[in-house]
Amino acid sequence: MKELFTIGELSKLFQVKISTLRYYDEIGLLKPEYIDKSNNYRYYSTQHFERLSTIKYLRALGVPISDLLDFFDYRDTDKLIEMLNRQQTEIANKKRELELIDRKIKRRLTQIHDAINHPMGTIMEVKLPKLRVAHLTHDYRPGEDIEYPIAELRKNFNIDESIFLGKIGLSVALQDIEANTFDRYNSIFMILEEGDNIPKAEVVFPAREYLRVRFSGTHVHAAGFYEELLKYSEQHGYTIIDDSIEITLIDYGITNSVDKYVTEILLPFSRN
């Protein structure tokens, strides 16, 4: 039986990259039997086979290198059980994170498909559940750069940028709606979803009925649709009871085509 194996032979036998074996040597995880000083060739014996098999097995379970070094320094059944229990907890946490990401993706796809296929310019009466939002009072006029108030919202509440896409809204104050003034907004907010944990920022818009209209365009095109909503409200004897909710469902964050932008206006109302 062959007693020594080159690093290349060990690589082929165990299907482990040579660079990985060299790294294992450098960190002390799998030291060769000896190194030929004349050419720096590494040689391994069959005694390394079991250790490398164990390393491959534990790495396949996702055990980090630091834990492997600790395990081989104090190899013991209790140590292995402790390490595997810790890894099992880590995997369970990652699984929950991935499931949450999966739900976020499904929710976002549904929102995009709904925005694309919803009839534009049609007023509807809808009942929506409560909305959790991170809310900031901020004067803003249509056409101004919205990135500054968004940055201020993010800074004030220490919000991760990665959760922003498609969830930013503006509000027109009730007093301005009643005065038929639609050239300014009084607040900016971010809709919070499952997994968005921002306790100090949270405000709840209650579950209630809204008049809803969606249109092709952005906030600069909204004024005329507010007027249509108010006409509808007056014709049906409804009363607008709170600030508006105005959200660009599809914008530059999703598409370069301005003609594909979709904005939604929601006016909370009561039936007289």
Protein backbone atom coordinates (compact mmCIF):
# COMPACT_ATOMS: atom_id res chain seq x y z
CA MET A 1 0.00 0.00 0.00
CA LYS A 2 1.16 3.46 -0.83
CA GLU A 3 2.31 5.29 2.30
CA LEU A 4 2.49 8.92 1.15
CA PHE A 5 0.33 10.99 -1.17
CA THR A 6 1.06 14.32 -2.83
CA ILE A 7 -1.33 17.19 -2.32
CA GLY A 8 -2.56 16.68 -5.89
CA GLU A 9 -3.32 13.02 -5.25
CA LEU A 10 -5.13 13.86 -2.00
CA SER A 11 -7.10 16.53 -3.86
CA LYS A 12 -8.30 14.00 -6.44
CA LEU A 13 -9.06 11.29 -3.89
CA PHE A 14 -11.26 13.53 -1.75
CA GLN A 15 -12.37 16.03 -4.40
CA VAL A 16 -11.02 18.94 -2.38
CA LYS A 17 -9.32 21.83 -4.15
CA ILE A 18 -5.54 22.05 -3.77
CA SER A 19 -5.92 25.68 -2.67
CA THR A 20 -8.27 24.52 0.10
CA LEU A 21 -5.79 21.91 1.31
CA ARG A 22 -3.06 24.54 1.35
CA TYR A 23 -5.33 26.81 3.38
CA TYR A 24 -6.04 23.99 5.83
CA ASP A 25 -2.29 23.58 6.24
CA GLU A 26 -1.74 27.31 6.79
CA ILE A 27 -4.33 27.53 9.58
CA GLY A 28 -3.28 24.27 11.20
CA LEU A 29 -6.44 22.32 10.43
CA LEU A 30 -4.76 19.65 8.28
CA LYS A 31 -0.98 19.66 8.40
CA PRO A 32 0.86 17.38 5.91
CA GLU A 33 3.00 14.49 7.09
CA TYR A 34 6.02 16.38 5.86
CA ILE A 35 7.09 19.01 3.33
CA ASP A 36 9.99 18.36 0.97
CA LYS A 37 12.22 21.40 1.60
CA SER A 38 13.83 21.08 -1.83
CA ASN A 39 10.59 21.73 -3.73
CA ASN A 40 8.02 22.59 -0.99
CA TYR A 41 5.85 19.61 -2.01
CA ARG A 42 3.38 18.56 0.67
CA TYR A 43 2.96 14.85 1.41
CA TYR A 44 0.10 13.24 3.32
CA SER A 45 -0.33 9.78 4.83
CA THR A 46 -3.40 7.58 5.16
CA GLN A 47 -3.70 8.85 8.73
CA HIS A 48 -4.95 12.13 7.24
CA PHE A 49 -7.85 10.42 5.45
CA GLU A 50 -10.15 10.11 8.45
CA ARG A 51 -9.45 13.68 9.57
CA LEU A 52 -10.10 15.07 6.08
CA SER A 53 -13.29 13.01 5.80
CA THR A 54 -14.47 14.47 9.13
CA ILE A 55 -13.59 17.98 7.97
CA LYS A 56 -15.54 17.50 4.72
CA TYR A 57 -18.54 16.11 6.62
CA LEU A 58 -18.66 18.95 9.13
CA ARG A 59 -18.10 21.59 6.45
CA ALA A 60 -21.00 20.07 4.49
CA LEU A 61 -23.12 20.70 7.60
CA GLY A 62 -22.02 24.33 7.49
CA VAL A 63 -19.80 24.19 10.56
CA PRO A 64 -17.43 27.20 10.42
CA ILE A 65 -13.67 26.76 10.25
CA SER A 66 -13.19 28.35 13.68
CA ASP A 67 -15.38 25.66 15.26
CA LEU A 68 -13.48 22.92 13.41
CA LEU A 69 -10.17 24.16 14.80
CA ASP A 70 -11.64 24.18 18.29
CA PHE A 71 -13.13 20.71 17.85
CA PHE A 72 -9.88 19.10 16.68
CA ASP A 73 -7.96 20.76 19.51
CA TYR A 74 -10.33 19.21 22.08
CA ARG A 75 -11.82 16.31 20.15
CA ASP A 76 -14.50 14.65 22.28
CA THR A 77 -18.06 13.36 21.99
CA ASP A 78 -19.41 16.13 24.21
CA LYS A 79 -17.55 18.70 22.13
CA LEU A 80 -19.08 17.32 18.92
CA ILE A 81 -22.59 17.33 20.40
CA GLU A 82 -22.15 20.91 21.57
CA MET A 83 -20.88 21.99 18.17
CA LEU A 84 -23.65 20.24 16.23
CA ASN A 85 -26.34 21.64 18.54
CA ARG A 86 -24.96 25.12 17.99
CA GLN A 87 -24.92 24.56 14.23
CA GLN A 88 -28.48 23.24 14.30
CA THR A 89 -29.64 26.42 16.03
CA GLU A 90 -27.79 28.52 13.47
CA ILE A 91 -29.40 26.63 10.59
CA ALA A 92 -32.86 27.04 12.15
CA ASN A 93 -32.27 30.80 12.37
CA LYS A 94 -31.11 30.94 8.74
CA LYS A 95 -34.13 28.91 7.68
CA ARG A 96 -36.46 31.44 9.34
CA GLU A 97 -34.57 34.28 7.62
CA LEU A 98 -34.89 32.59 4.22
CA GLU A 99 -38.59 31.89 4.77
CA LEU A 100 -39.11 35.56 5.62
CA ILE A 101 -37.21 36.62 2.48
CA ASP A 102 -39.32 34.19 0.43
CA ARG A 103 -42.54 35.75 1.78
CA LYS A 104 -41.19 39.23 1.03
CA ILE A 105 -40.40 38.22 -2.57
CA LYS A 106 -43.86 36.70 -3.04
CA ARG A 107 -45.49 39.81 -1.57
CA ARG A 108 -43.47 42.12 -3.81
CA LEU A 109 -44.27 40.08 -6.93
CA THR A 110 -47.96 40.21 -6.05
CA GLN A 111 -47.76 43.99 -5.60
CA ILE A 112 -46.02 44.48 -8.95
CA HIS A 113 -48.42 42.20 -10.84
CA ASP A 114 -51.37 43.94 -9.17
CA ALA A 115 -50.02 47.39 -10.08
CA ILE A 116 -49.40 46.38 -13.70
CA ASN A 117 -52.81 44.78 -14.22
CA HIS A 118 -55.01 47.14 -12.21
CA PRO A 119 -57.22 49.49 -14.30
CA MET A 120 -55.81 53.01 -14.31
CA GLY A 121 -57.98 55.97 -13.41
CA THR A 122 -60.82 53.87 -11.96
CA ILE A 123 -62.04 54.86 -8.49
CA MET A 124 -62.77 51.97 -6.14
CA GLU A 125 -63.98 51.62 -2.58
CA VAL A 126 -61.67 49.28 -0.68
CA LYS A 127 -61.29 48.14 2.89
CA LEU A 128 -57.68 47.68 3.95
CA PRO A 129 -56.17 46.19 7.11
CA LYS A 130 -54.12 48.31 9.46
CA LEU A 131 -50.78 49.53 8.15
CA ARG A 132 -47.64 49.75 10.27
CA VAL A 133 -45.46 52.63 9.14
CA ALA A 134 -42.32 54.54 10.07
CA HIS A 135 -43.66 58.09 9.90
CA LEU A 136 -41.90 61.44 9.66
CA THR A 137 -43.49 64.88 9.47
CA HIS A 138 -41.84 66.59 6.51
CA ASP A 139 -42.96 69.29 4.05
CA TYR A 140 -42.44 68.21 0.48
CA ARG A 141 -43.65 69.60 -2.83
CA PRO A 142 -44.27 67.55 -5.98
CA GLY A 143 -41.26 67.72 -8.29
CA GLU A 144 -38.72 68.21 -5.51
CA ASP A 145 -36.02 65.62 -5.02
CA ILE A 146 -37.58 62.99 -2.77
CA GLU A 147 -34.25 61.36 -1.94
CA TYR A 148 -33.45 63.90 0.78
CA PRO A 149 -36.59 63.27 2.87
CA ILE A 150 -36.10 59.53 2.33
CA ALA A 151 -32.53 59.86 3.61
CA GLU A 152 -33.79 61.84 6.60
CA LEU A 153 -36.39 59.17 7.36
CA ARG A 154 -33.73 56.48 7.16
CA LYS A 155 -31.32 58.45 9.35
CA ASN A 156 -33.88 59.42 12.00
CA PHE A 157 -34.99 55.85 12.56
CA ASN A 158 -31.77 54.02 11.65
CA ILE A 159 -33.53 52.06 8.91
CA ASP A 160 -31.64 49.59 6.73
CA GLU A 161 -31.60 50.80 3.10
CA SER A 162 -32.27 47.28 1.85
CA ILE A 163 -35.91 47.34 3.02
CA PHE A 164 -36.93 50.56 1.28
CA LEU A 165 -37.82 49.53 -2.26
CA GLY A 166 -41.46 50.13 -3.15
CA LYS A 167 -42.60 51.03 0.35
CA ILE A 168 -42.29 54.82 0.53
CA GLY A 169 -45.42 56.97 0.73
CA LEU A 170 -46.43 60.61 1.14
CA SER A 171 -49.46 62.24 2.74
CA VAL A 172 -51.53 65.31 1.93
CA ALA A 173 -52.96 66.80 5.13
CA LEU A 174 -56.72 66.57 5.62
CA GLN A 175 -57.00 70.36 5.89
CA ASP A 176 -55.33 70.75 2.49
CA ILE A 177 -57.61 68.11 0.97
CA GLU A 178 -60.63 69.97 2.31
CA ALA A 179 -59.20 73.20 0.84
CA ASN A 180 -58.59 71.53 -2.56
CA THR A 181 -54.86 72.19 -2.19
CA PHE A 182 -52.73 69.39 -3.57
CA ASP A 183 -49.37 71.06 -4.17
CA ARG A 184 -47.68 69.99 -0.95
CA TYR A 185 -47.26 66.99 1.34
CA ASN A 186 -47.05 67.09 5.11
CA SER A 187 -45.34 63.77 5.81
CA ILE A 188 -43.33 60.90 4.41
CA PHE A 189 -43.56 57.33 5.64
CA MET A 190 -42.33 53.81 4.97
CA ILE A 191 -44.76 50.90 5.09
CA LEU A 192 -43.45 48.22 7.44
CA GLU A 193 -43.87 44.56 6.58
CA GLU A 194 -43.31 41.33 8.46
CA GLY A 195 -39.72 41.28 9.62
CA ASP A 196 -39.31 45.08 9.57
CA ASN A 197 -38.66 45.77 13.24
CA ILE A 198 -38.41 49.51 13.94
CA PRO A 199 -40.20 49.94 17.30
CA LYS A 200 -39.49 53.61 17.95
CA ALA A 201 -40.69 54.60 14.46
CA GLU A 202 -43.88 52.61 14.33
CA VAL A 203 -47.21 54.38 13.73
CA VAL A 204 -50.37 52.46 12.89
CA PHE A 205 -52.86 53.55 10.24
CA PRO A 206 -56.04 51.78 11.39
CA ALA A 207 -58.02 49.30 9.31
CA ARG A 208 -60.68 51.29 7.44
CA GLU A 209 -62.33 52.09 4.14
CA TYR A 210 -60.59 54.08 1.44
CA LEU A 211 -61.38 55.58 -1.91
CA ARG A 212 -58.61 54.33 -4.16
CA VAL A 213 -57.38 55.36 -7.57
CA ARG A 214 -54.27 54.33 -9.47
CA PHE A 215 -52.81 56.22 -12.36
CA SER A 216 -49.86 56.19 -14.73
CA GLY A 217 -47.37 58.74 -13.44
CA THR A 218 -45.81 60.06 -10.25
CA HIS A 219 -46.66 62.51 -7.50
CA VAL A 220 -46.44 65.47 -9.90
CA HIS A 221 -49.46 64.08 -11.76
CA ALA A 222 -51.59 63.48 -8.67
CA ALA A 223 -53.59 66.71 -8.24
CA GLY A 224 -56.22 65.95 -10.87
CA PHE A 225 -56.88 62.53 -9.38
CA TYR A 226 -57.42 64.04 -5.92
CA GLU A 227 -60.09 66.23 -7.51
CA GLU A 228 -61.74 63.17 -9.06
CA LEU A 229 -61.72 61.39 -5.71
CA LEU A 230 -63.34 64.38 -3.99
CA LYS A 231 -66.04 64.56 -6.68
CA TYR A 232 -66.76 60.88 -6.17
CA SER A 233 -66.88 61.37 -2.39
CA GLU A 234 -69.32 64.29 -2.72
CA GLN A 235 -71.56 62.42 -5.18
CA HIS A 236 -71.88 59.49 -2.78
CA GLY A 237 -72.27 61.58 0.37
CA TYR A 238 -68.99 60.41 1.91
CA THR A 239 -66.71 62.39 4.25
CA ILE A 240 -62.93 62.31 4.01
CA ILE A 241 -61.70 61.70 7.57
CA ASP A 242 -57.90 61.79 7.53
CA ASP A 243 -54.72 62.55 5.58
CA SER A 244 -54.22 60.80 2.27
CA ILE A 245 -51.88 57.91 1.56
CA GLU A 246 -50.02 58.28 -1.73
CA ILE A 247 -47.58 55.63 -2.88
CA THR A 248 -45.65 55.21 -6.11
CA LEU A 249 -46.05 51.46 -6.66
CA ILE A 250 -43.78 51.34 -9.71
CA ASP A 251 -41.10 53.99 -10.18
CA TYR A 252 -37.44 54.50 -11.09
CA GLY A 253 -36.45 51.85 -8.56
CA ILE A 254 -38.04 49.22 -10.82
CA THR A 255 -38.10 50.59 -14.36
CA ASN A 256 -36.44 53.20 -16.57
CA SER A 257 -39.68 53.70 -18.51
CA VAL A 258 -41.57 56.67 -17.08
CA ASP A 259 -44.72 55.58 -18.92
CA LYS A 260 -44.75 52.43 -16.77
CA TYR A 261 -44.83 54.31 -13.45
CA VAL A 262 -47.90 53.60 -11.31
CA THR A 263 -48.99 55.72 -8.36
CA GLU A 264 -51.82 55.01 -5.92
CA ILE A 265 -53.88 57.48 -3.89
CA LEU A 266 -55.93 56.35 -0.91
CA LEU A 267 -58.41 58.68 0.81
CA PRO A 268 -59.89 57.35 4.09
CA PHE A 269 -63.63 58.05 4.24
CA SER A 270 -66.73 57.52 6.34
CA ARG A 271 -70.24 56.90 5.11
CA ASN A 272 -72.69 59.61 6.23
